Amino acid sequence: MRSRYSAFVRHDAAYLQKTWSRTTRPARIDFPSRIWTGLEILGTTGGTAFHTEGTVEFNAHYTTGIQHENSTFTRESGEWVYVAAL
């Protein structure tokens, strides 16, 4: 999750595509015009070496607000990838 947040900050579309599930990956990533100021992880479920799915609840702070999300992740070809927001 932290690496994906950093990719949004840097507008690194290639990394986001690589870490997005094949089943939900968009053809194009549009970056919001926000200045990101920090990431706060609120909680997680699953996500260990023994799991195939997990969630991350977080607040992504930007200059004029907060984006709250609970994201789902799964393993594809042994790698953790983002699926969708709940």
PDB file of N, CA and C in Angstrom:
ATOM      1  N   MET A   1       0.820  -1.185   0.000  1.00  0.00           N
ATOM      2  CA  MET A   1       0.000   0.000   0.000  1.00  0.00           C
ATOM      3  C   MET A   1       0.864   1.250   0.000  1.00  0.00           C
ATOM      4  N   ARG A   2       1.893   1.253   0.790  1.00  0.00           N
ATOM      5  CA  ARG A   2       2.754   2.437   0.841  1.00  0.00           C
ATOM      6  C   ARG A   2       3.425   2.699  -0.518  1.00  0.00           C
ATOM      7  N   SER A   3       3.812   1.636  -1.197  1.00  0.00           N
ATOM      8  CA  SER A   3       4.464   1.830  -2.501  1.00  0.00           C
ATOM      9  C   SER A   3       3.467   2.365  -3.527  1.00  0.00           C
ATOM     10  N   ARG A   4       2.215   1.950  -3.453  1.00  0.00           N
ATOM     11  CA  ARG A   4       1.205   2.465  -4.383  1.00  0.00           C
ATOM     12  C   ARG A   4       0.898   3.934  -4.082  1.00  0.00           C
ATOM     13  N   TYR A   5       0.846   4.296  -2.805  1.00  0.00           N
ATOM     14  CA  TYR A   5       0.660   5.699  -2.438  1.00  0.00           C
ATOM     15  C   TYR A   5       1.800   6.538  -3.034  1.00  0.00           C
ATOM     16  N   SER A   6       3.027   6.059  -2.856  1.00  0.00           N
ATOM     17  CA  SER A   6       4.185   6.775  -3.405  1.00  0.00           C
ATOM     18  C   SER A   6       4.085   6.901  -4.924  1.00  0.00           C
ATOM     19  N   ALA A   7       3.580   5.873  -5.586  1.00  0.00           N
ATOM     20  CA  ALA A   7       3.421   5.924  -7.038  1.00  0.00           C
ATOM     21  C   ALA A   7       2.382   6.970  -7.435  1.00  0.00           C
ATOM     22  N   PHE A   8       1.316   7.115  -6.643  1.00  0.00           N
ATOM     23  CA  PHE A   8       0.341   8.172  -6.931  1.00  0.00           C
ATOM     24  C   PHE A   8       0.973   9.544  -6.746  1.00  0.00           C
ATOM     25  N   VAL A   9       1.782   9.709  -5.708  1.00  0.00           N
ATOM     26  CA  VAL A   9       2.463  10.983  -5.468  1.00  0.00           C
ATOM     27  C   VAL A   9       3.369  11.333  -6.647  1.00  0.00           C
ATOM     28  N   ARG A  10       4.089  10.342  -7.173  1.00  0.00           N
ATOM     29  CA  ARG A  10       5.055  10.554  -8.265  1.00  0.00           C
ATOM     30  C   ARG A  10       4.430  10.454  -9.659  1.00  0.00           C
ATOM     31  N   HIS A  11       3.134  10.129  -9.728  1.00  0.00           N
ATOM     32  CA  HIS A  11       2.434   9.925 -11.010  1.00  0.00           C
ATOM     33  C   HIS A  11       3.103   8.812 -11.810  1.00  0.00           C
ATOM     34  N   ASP A  12       3.419   7.728 -11.135  1.00  0.00           N
ATOM     35  CA  ASP A  12       4.092   6.579 -11.748  1.00  0.00           C
ATOM     36  C   ASP A  12       3.042   5.564 -12.221  1.00  0.00           C
ATOM     37  N   ALA A  13       2.461   5.835 -13.380  1.00  0.00           N
ATOM     38  CA  ALA A  13       1.393   4.995 -13.923  1.00  0.00           C
ATOM     39  C   ALA A  13       1.862   3.569 -14.193  1.00  0.00           C
ATOM     40  N   ALA A  14       3.091   3.404 -14.647  1.00  0.00           N
ATOM     41  CA  ALA A  14       3.604   2.063 -14.951  1.00  0.00           C
ATOM     42  C   ALA A  14       3.620   1.185 -13.707  1.00  0.00           C
ATOM     43  N   TYR A  15       4.057   1.730 -12.583  1.00  0.00           N
ATOM     44  CA  TYR A  15       4.077   0.938 -11.347  1.00  0.00           C
ATOM     45  C   TYR A  15       2.660   0.615 -10.887  1.00  0.00           C
ATOM     46  N   LEU A  16       1.767   1.578 -10.977  1.00  0.00           N
ATOM     47  CA  LEU A  16       0.381   1.333 -10.565  1.00  0.00           C
ATOM     48  C   LEU A  16      -0.256   0.248 -11.425  1.00  0.00           C
ATOM     49  N   GLN A  17      -0.029   0.277 -12.736  1.00  0.00           N
ATOM     50  CA  GLN A  17      -0.556  -0.765 -13.620  1.00  0.00           C
ATOM     51  C   GLN A  17      -0.003  -2.138 -13.226  1.00  0.00           C
ATOM     52  N   LYS A  18       1.296  -2.177 -12.943  1.00  0.00           N
ATOM     53  CA  LYS A  18       1.957  -3.437 -12.580  1.00  0.00           C
ATOM     54  C   LYS A  18       1.405  -4.019 -11.279  1.00  0.00           C
ATOM     55  N   THR A  19       0.976  -3.163 -10.359  1.00  0.00           N
ATOM     56  CA  THR A  19       0.515  -3.620  -9.046  1.00  0.00           C
ATOM     57  C   THR A  19      -1.004  -3.598  -8.923  1.00  0.00           C
ATOM     58  N   TRP A  20      -1.694  -3.569 -10.057  1.00  0.00           N
ATOM     59  CA  TRP A  20      -3.160  -3.566 -10.099  1.00  0.00           C
ATOM     60  C   TRP A  20      -3.611  -4.910 -10.651  1.00  0.00           C
ATOM     61  N   SER A  21      -4.620  -5.501 -10.071  1.00  0.00           N
ATOM     62  CA  SER A  21      -5.116  -6.810 -10.523  1.00  0.00           C
ATOM     63  C   SER A  21      -5.510  -6.788 -11.997  1.00  0.00           C
ATOM     64  N   ARG A  22      -5.202  -7.862 -12.688  1.00  0.00           N
ATOM     65  CA  ARG A  22      -5.596  -7.991 -14.103  1.00  0.00           C
ATOM     66  C   ARG A  22      -7.104  -7.890 -14.261  1.00  0.00           C
ATOM     67  N   THR A  23      -7.855  -8.286 -13.219  1.00  0.00           N
ATOM     68  CA  THR A  23      -9.317  -8.321 -13.320  1.00  0.00           C
ATOM     69  C   THR A  23      -9.975  -6.952 -13.174  1.00  0.00           C
ATOM     70  N   THR A  24      -9.278  -5.981 -12.599  1.00  0.00           N
ATOM     71  CA  THR A  24      -9.878  -4.663 -12.371  1.00  0.00           C
ATOM     72  C   THR A  24      -9.017  -3.502 -12.884  1.00  0.00           C
ATOM     73  N   ARG A  25      -7.877  -3.793 -13.481  1.00  0.00           N
ATOM     74  CA  ARG A  25      -6.924  -2.770 -13.931  1.00  0.00           C
ATOM     75  C   ARG A  25      -7.541  -1.899 -15.029  1.00  0.00           C
ATOM     76  N   PRO A  26      -7.515  -0.577 -14.852  1.00  0.00           N
ATOM     77  CA  PRO A  26      -8.026   0.302 -15.917  1.00  0.00           C
ATOM     78  C   PRO A  26      -7.026   0.398 -17.062  1.00  0.00           C
ATOM     79  N   ALA A  27      -7.512   0.746 -18.219  1.00  0.00           N
ATOM     80  CA  ALA A  27      -6.631   0.911 -19.378  1.00  0.00           C
ATOM     81  C   ALA A  27      -5.746   2.144 -19.222  1.00  0.00           C
ATOM     82  N   ARG A  28      -6.232   3.114 -18.483  1.00  0.00           N
ATOM     83  CA  ARG A  28      -5.500   4.369 -18.307  1.00  0.00           C
ATOM     84  C   ARG A  28      -5.708   4.865 -16.883  1.00  0.00           C
ATOM     85  N   ILE A  29      -4.689   5.492 -16.326  1.00  0.00           N
ATOM     86  CA  ILE A  29      -4.789   6.055 -14.980  1.00  0.00           C
ATOM     87  C   ILE A  29      -4.756   7.567 -15.085  1.00  0.00           C
ATOM     88  N   ASP A  30      -5.803   8.202 -14.573  1.00  0.00           N
ATOM     89  CA  ASP A  30      -5.855   9.657 -14.513  1.00  0.00           C
ATOM     90  C   ASP A  30      -5.521  10.080 -13.090  1.00  0.00           C
ATOM     91  N   PHE A  31      -4.568  10.958 -12.944  1.00  0.00           N
ATOM     92  CA  PHE A  31      -4.147  11.400 -11.626  1.00  0.00           C
ATOM     93  C   PHE A  31      -4.917  12.646 -11.221  1.00  0.00           C
ATOM     94  N   PRO A  32      -5.492  12.628 -10.011  1.00  0.00           N
ATOM     95  CA  PRO A  32      -6.192  13.827  -9.545  1.00  0.00           C
ATOM     96  C   PRO A  32      -5.191  14.954  -9.301  1.00  0.00           C
ATOM     97  N   SER A  33      -5.646  16.163  -9.438  1.00  0.00           N
ATOM     98  CA  SER A  33      -4.754  17.311  -9.219  1.00  0.00           C
ATOM     99  C   SER A  33      -4.729  17.635  -7.724  1.00  0.00           C
ATOM    100  N   ARG A  34      -4.020  16.790  -7.001  1.00  0.00           N
ATOM    101  CA  ARG A  34      -3.893  16.945  -5.554  1.00  0.00           C
ATOM    102  C   ARG A  34      -2.424  16.961  -5.180  1.00  0.00           C
ATOM    103  N   ILE A  35      -2.131  17.658  -4.108  1.00  0.00           N
ATOM    104  CA  ILE A  35      -0.800  17.607  -3.527  1.00  0.00           C
ATOM    105  C   ILE A  35      -0.914  16.725  -2.293  1.00  0.00           C
ATOM    106  N   TRP A  36      -0.376  15.511  -2.403  1.00  0.00           N
ATOM    107  CA  TRP A  36      -0.469  14.529  -1.319  1.00  0.00           C
ATOM    108  C   TRP A  36       0.498  14.908  -0.210  1.00  0.00           C
ATOM    109  N   THR A  37       0.043  14.763   1.035  1.00  0.00           N
ATOM    110  CA  THR A  37       0.862  15.189   2.174  1.00  0.00           C
ATOM    111  C   THR A  37       1.151  14.082   3.173  1.00  0.00           C
ATOM    112  N   GLY A  38       0.553  12.906   3.012  1.00  0.00           N
ATOM    113  CA  GLY A  38       0.865  11.819   3.932  1.00  0.00           C
ATOM    114  C   GLY A  38      -0.113  10.668   3.848  1.00  0.00           C
ATOM    115  N   LEU A  39       0.335   9.534   4.335  1.00  0.00           N
ATOM    116  CA  LEU A  39      -0.462   8.311   4.346  1.00  0.00           C
ATOM    117  C   LEU A  39      -0.556   7.802   5.771  1.00  0.00           C
ATOM    118  N   GLU A  40      -1.764   7.475   6.190  1.00  0.00           N
ATOM    119  CA  GLU A  40      -2.016   6.944   7.529  1.00  0.00           C
ATOM    120  C   GLU A  40      -2.721   5.593   7.378  1.00  0.00           C
ATOM    121  N   ILE A  41      -2.055   4.523   7.766  1.00  0.00           N
ATOM    122  CA  ILE A  41      -2.660   3.188   7.732  1.00  0.00           C
ATOM    123  C   ILE A  41      -3.494   3.019   8.997  1.00  0.00           C
ATOM    124  N   LEU A  42      -4.784   2.735   8.838  1.00  0.00           N
ATOM    125  CA  LEU A  42      -5.695   2.614   9.979  1.00  0.00           C
ATOM    126  C   LEU A  42      -5.870   1.174  10.431  1.00  0.00           C
ATOM    127  N   GLY A  43      -5.732   0.232   9.503  1.00  0.00           N
ATOM    128  CA  GLY A  43      -5.891  -1.169   9.861  1.00  0.00           C
ATOM    129  C   GLY A  43      -5.691  -2.071   8.669  1.00  0.00           C
ATOM    130  N   THR A  44      -5.432  -3.346   8.964  1.00  0.00           N
ATOM    131  CA  THR A  44      -5.238  -4.338   7.908  1.00  0.00           C
ATOM    132  C   THR A  44      -5.884  -5.647   8.318  1.00  0.00           C
ATOM    133  N   THR A  45      -6.216  -6.459   7.330  1.00  0.00           N
ATOM    134  CA  THR A  45      -6.642  -7.839   7.566  1.00  0.00           C
ATOM    135  C   THR A  45      -5.889  -8.710   6.577  1.00  0.00           C
ATOM    136  N   GLY A  46      -5.602  -9.935   6.966  1.00  0.00           N
ATOM    137  CA  GLY A  46      -4.888 -10.850   6.070  1.00  0.00           C
ATOM    138  C   GLY A  46      -3.550 -10.258   5.674  1.00  0.00           C
ATOM    139  N   GLY A  47      -3.091 -10.645   4.497  1.00  0.00           N
ATOM    140  CA  GLY A  47      -1.892 -10.048   3.944  1.00  0.00           C
ATOM    141  C   GLY A  47      -0.575 -10.662   4.359  1.00  0.00           C
ATOM    142  N   THR A  48      -0.599 -11.736   5.122  1.00  0.00           N
ATOM    143  CA  THR A  48       0.662 -12.368   5.508  1.00  0.00           C
ATOM    144  C   THR A  48       1.071 -13.387   4.450  1.00  0.00           C
ATOM    145  N   ALA A  49       2.181 -14.031   4.679  1.00  0.00           N
ATOM    146  CA  ALA A  49       2.661 -15.064   3.750  1.00  0.00           C
ATOM    147  C   ALA A  49       1.687 -16.238   3.671  1.00  0.00           C
ATOM    148  N   PHE A  50       0.807 -16.367   4.658  1.00  0.00           N
ATOM    149  CA  PHE A  50      -0.144 -17.476   4.698  1.00  0.00           C
ATOM    150  C   PHE A  50      -1.496 -17.132   4.078  1.00  0.00           C
ATOM    151  N   HIS A  51      -1.676 -15.894   3.647  1.00  0.00           N
ATOM    152  CA  HIS A  51      -2.949 -15.451   3.088  1.00  0.00           C
ATOM    153  C   HIS A  51      -2.853 -15.253   1.576  1.00  0.00           C
ATOM    154  N   THR A  52      -4.010 -15.282   0.936  1.00  0.00           N
ATOM    155  CA  THR A  52      -4.078 -14.958  -0.488  1.00  0.00           C
ATOM    156  C   THR A  52      -4.872 -13.682  -0.717  1.00  0.00           C
ATOM    157  N   GLU A  53      -5.495 -13.150   0.331  1.00  0.00           N
ATOM    158  CA  GLU A  53      -6.264 -11.915   0.236  1.00  0.00           C
ATOM    159  C   GLU A  53      -6.017 -11.072   1.474  1.00  0.00           C
ATOM    160  N   GLY A  54      -6.268  -9.795   1.345  1.00  0.00           N
ATOM    161  CA  GLY A  54      -6.125  -8.900   2.482  1.00  0.00           C
ATOM    162  C   GLY A  54      -6.768  -7.565   2.190  1.00  0.00           C
ATOM    163  N   THR A  55      -6.891  -6.757   3.240  1.00  0.00           N
ATOM    164  CA  THR A  55      -7.423  -5.415   3.091  1.00  0.00           C
ATOM    165  C   THR A  55      -6.513  -4.427   3.819  1.00  0.00           C
ATOM    166  N   VAL A  56      -6.554  -3.198   3.364  1.00  0.00           N
ATOM    167  CA  VAL A  56      -5.848  -2.100   4.029  1.00  0.00           C
ATOM    168  C   VAL A  56      -6.808  -0.923   4.096  1.00  0.00           C
ATOM    169  N   GLU A  57      -7.087  -0.472   5.322  1.00  0.00           N
ATOM    170  CA  GLU A  57      -7.882   0.737   5.511  1.00  0.00           C
ATOM    171  C   GLU A  57      -6.905   1.880   5.757  1.00  0.00           C
ATOM    172  N   PHE A  58      -7.106   2.996   5.053  1.00  0.00           N
ATOM    173  CA  PHE A  58      -6.147   4.091   5.169  1.00  0.00           C
ATOM    174  C   PHE A  58      -6.800   5.444   4.933  1.00  0.00           C
ATOM    175  N   ASN A  59      -6.091   6.471   5.364  1.00  0.00           N
ATOM    176  CA  ASN A  59      -6.385   7.850   5.012  1.00  0.00           C
ATOM    177  C   ASN A  59      -5.190   8.373   4.236  1.00  0.00           C
ATOM    178  N   ALA A  60      -5.437   8.857   3.031  1.00  0.00           N
ATOM    179  CA  ALA A  60      -4.400   9.516   2.245  1.00  0.00           C
ATOM    180  C   ALA A  60      -4.692  11.013   2.332  1.00  0.00           C
ATOM    181  N   HIS A  61      -3.796  11.726   2.966  1.00  0.00           N
ATOM    182  CA  HIS A  61      -3.989  13.158   3.201  1.00  0.00           C
ATOM    183  C   HIS A  61      -3.467  13.970   2.028  1.00  0.00           C
ATOM    184  N   TYR A  62      -4.201  15.021   1.700  1.00  0.00           N
ATOM    185  CA  TYR A  62      -3.751  15.983   0.705  1.00  0.00           C
ATOM    186  C   TYR A  62      -4.069  17.380   1.226  1.00  0.00           C
ATOM    187  N   THR A  63      -3.582  18.405   0.554  1.00  0.00           N
ATOM    188  CA  THR A  63      -3.626  19.757   1.107  1.00  0.00           C
ATOM    189  C   THR A  63      -5.023  20.238   1.481  1.00  0.00           C
ATOM    190  N   THR A  64      -6.053  19.803   0.784  1.00  0.00           N
ATOM    191  CA  THR A  64      -7.402  20.296   1.075  1.00  0.00           C
ATOM    192  C   THR A  64      -8.339  19.219   1.603  1.00  0.00           C
ATOM    193  N   GLY A  65      -7.816  18.048   1.992  1.00  0.00           N
ATOM    194  CA  GLY A  65      -8.715  17.023   2.499  1.00  0.00           C
ATOM    195  C   GLY A  65      -8.047  15.688   2.758  1.00  0.00           C
ATOM    196  N   ILE A  66      -8.910  14.692   2.873  1.00  0.00           N
ATOM    197  CA  ILE A  66      -8.475  13.323   3.153  1.00  0.00           C
ATOM    198  C   ILE A  66      -9.266  12.378   2.257  1.00  0.00           C
ATOM    199  N   GLN A  67      -8.559  11.415   1.670  1.00  0.00           N
ATOM    200  CA  GLN A  67      -9.223  10.332   0.943  1.00  0.00           C
ATOM    201  C   GLN A  67      -9.188   9.108   1.844  1.00  0.00           C
ATOM    202  N   HIS A  68     -10.363   8.678   2.306  1.00  0.00           N
ATOM    203  CA  HIS A  68     -10.469   7.486   3.144  1.00  0.00           C
ATOM    204  C   HIS A  68     -10.845   6.313   2.251  1.00  0.00           C
ATOM    205  N   GLU A  69     -10.160   5.195   2.442  1.00  0.00           N
ATOM    206  CA  GLU A  69     -10.445   4.031   1.603  1.00  0.00           C
ATOM    207  C   GLU A  69     -10.144   2.752   2.369  1.00  0.00           C
ATOM    208  N   ASN A  70     -10.877   1.710   2.038  1.00  0.00           N
ATOM    209  CA  ASN A  70     -10.587   0.356   2.506  1.00  0.00           C
ATOM    210  C   ASN A  70     -10.362  -0.472   1.246  1.00  0.00           C
ATOM    211  N   SER A  71      -9.115  -0.772   0.954  1.00  0.00           N
ATOM    212  CA  SER A  71      -8.736  -1.426  -0.299  1.00  0.00           C
ATOM    213  C   SER A  71      -8.568  -2.925  -0.124  1.00  0.00           C
ATOM    214  N   THR A  72      -8.948  -3.670  -1.151  1.00  0.00           N
ATOM    215  CA  THR A  72      -8.736  -5.107  -1.144  1.00  0.00           C
ATOM    216  C   THR A  72      -7.546  -5.442  -2.036  1.00  0.00           C
ATOM    217  N   PHE A  73      -6.776  -6.431  -1.584  1.00  0.00           N
ATOM    218  CA  PHE A  73      -5.603  -6.909  -2.299  1.00  0.00           C
ATOM    219  C   PHE A  73      -5.680  -8.424  -2.416  1.00  0.00           C
ATOM    220  N   THR A  74      -5.054  -8.964  -3.436  1.00  0.00           N
ATOM    221  CA  THR A  74      -4.987 -10.410  -3.623  1.00  0.00           C
ATOM    222  C   THR A  74      -3.617 -10.750  -4.210  1.00  0.00           C
ATOM    223  N   ARG A  75      -3.307 -12.041  -4.200  1.00  0.00           N
ATOM    224  CA  ARG A  75      -2.053 -12.483  -4.815  1.00  0.00           C
ATOM    225  C   ARG A  75      -2.338 -12.953  -6.245  1.00  0.00           C
ATOM    226  N   GLU A  76      -1.509 -12.480  -7.162  1.00  0.00           N
ATOM    227  CA  GLU A  76      -1.538 -12.950  -8.547  1.00  0.00           C
ATOM    228  C   GLU A  76      -0.102 -13.294  -8.913  1.00  0.00           C
ATOM    229  N   SER A  77       0.120 -14.512  -9.318  1.00  0.00           N
ATOM    230  CA  SER A  77       1.470 -14.987  -9.658  1.00  0.00           C
ATOM    231  C   SER A  77       2.445 -14.727  -8.510  1.00  0.00           C
ATOM    232  N   GLY A  78       1.956 -14.892  -7.288  1.00  0.00           N
ATOM    233  CA  GLY A  78       2.792 -14.746  -6.100  1.00  0.00           C
ATOM    234  C   GLY A  78       3.001 -13.327  -5.613  1.00  0.00           C
ATOM    235  N   GLU A  79       2.479 -12.326  -6.328  1.00  0.00           N
ATOM    236  CA  GLU A  79       2.668 -10.919  -5.961  1.00  0.00           C
ATOM    237  C   GLU A  79       1.358 -10.316  -5.454  1.00  0.00           C
ATOM    238  N   TRP A  80       1.454  -9.433  -4.456  1.00  0.00           N
ATOM    239  CA  TRP A  80       0.279  -8.716  -3.973  1.00  0.00           C
ATOM    240  C   TRP A  80      -0.104  -7.638  -4.974  1.00  0.00           C
ATOM    241  N   VAL A  81      -1.401  -7.586  -5.326  1.00  0.00           N
ATOM    242  CA  VAL A  81      -1.902  -6.581  -6.249  1.00  0.00           C
ATOM    243  C   VAL A  81      -3.198  -5.996  -5.709  1.00  0.00           C
ATOM    244  N   TYR A  82      -3.431  -4.746  -6.046  1.00  0.00           N
ATOM    245  CA  TYR A  82      -4.645  -4.030  -5.658  1.00  0.00           C
ATOM    246  C   TYR A  82      -5.809  -4.537  -6.497  1.00  0.00           C
ATOM    247  N   VAL A  83      -6.968  -4.777  -5.849  1.00  0.00           N
ATOM    248  CA  VAL A  83      -8.159  -5.214  -6.564  1.00  0.00           C
ATOM    249  C   VAL A  83      -9.160  -4.058  -6.693  1.00  0.00           C
ATOM    250  N   ALA A  84      -9.610  -3.539  -5.547  1.00  0.00           N
ATOM    251  CA  ALA A  84     -10.625  -2.490  -5.577  1.00  0.00           C
ATOM    252  C   ALA A  84     -10.789  -1.877  -4.196  1.00  0.00           C
ATOM    253  N   ALA A  85     -11.494  -0.747  -4.164  1.00  0.00           N
ATOM    254  CA  ALA A  85     -11.859  -0.124  -2.898  1.00  0.00           C
ATOM    255  C   ALA A  85     -13.213  -0.678  -2.462  1.00  0.00           C
ATOM    256  N   LEU A  86     -13.347  -0.901  -1.172  1.00  0.00           N
ATOM    257  CA  LEU A  86     -14.641  -1.380  -0.645  1.00  0.00           C
ATOM    258  C   LEU A  86     -15.541  -0.201  -0.331  1.00  0.00           C
TER     259      LEU A  86
END
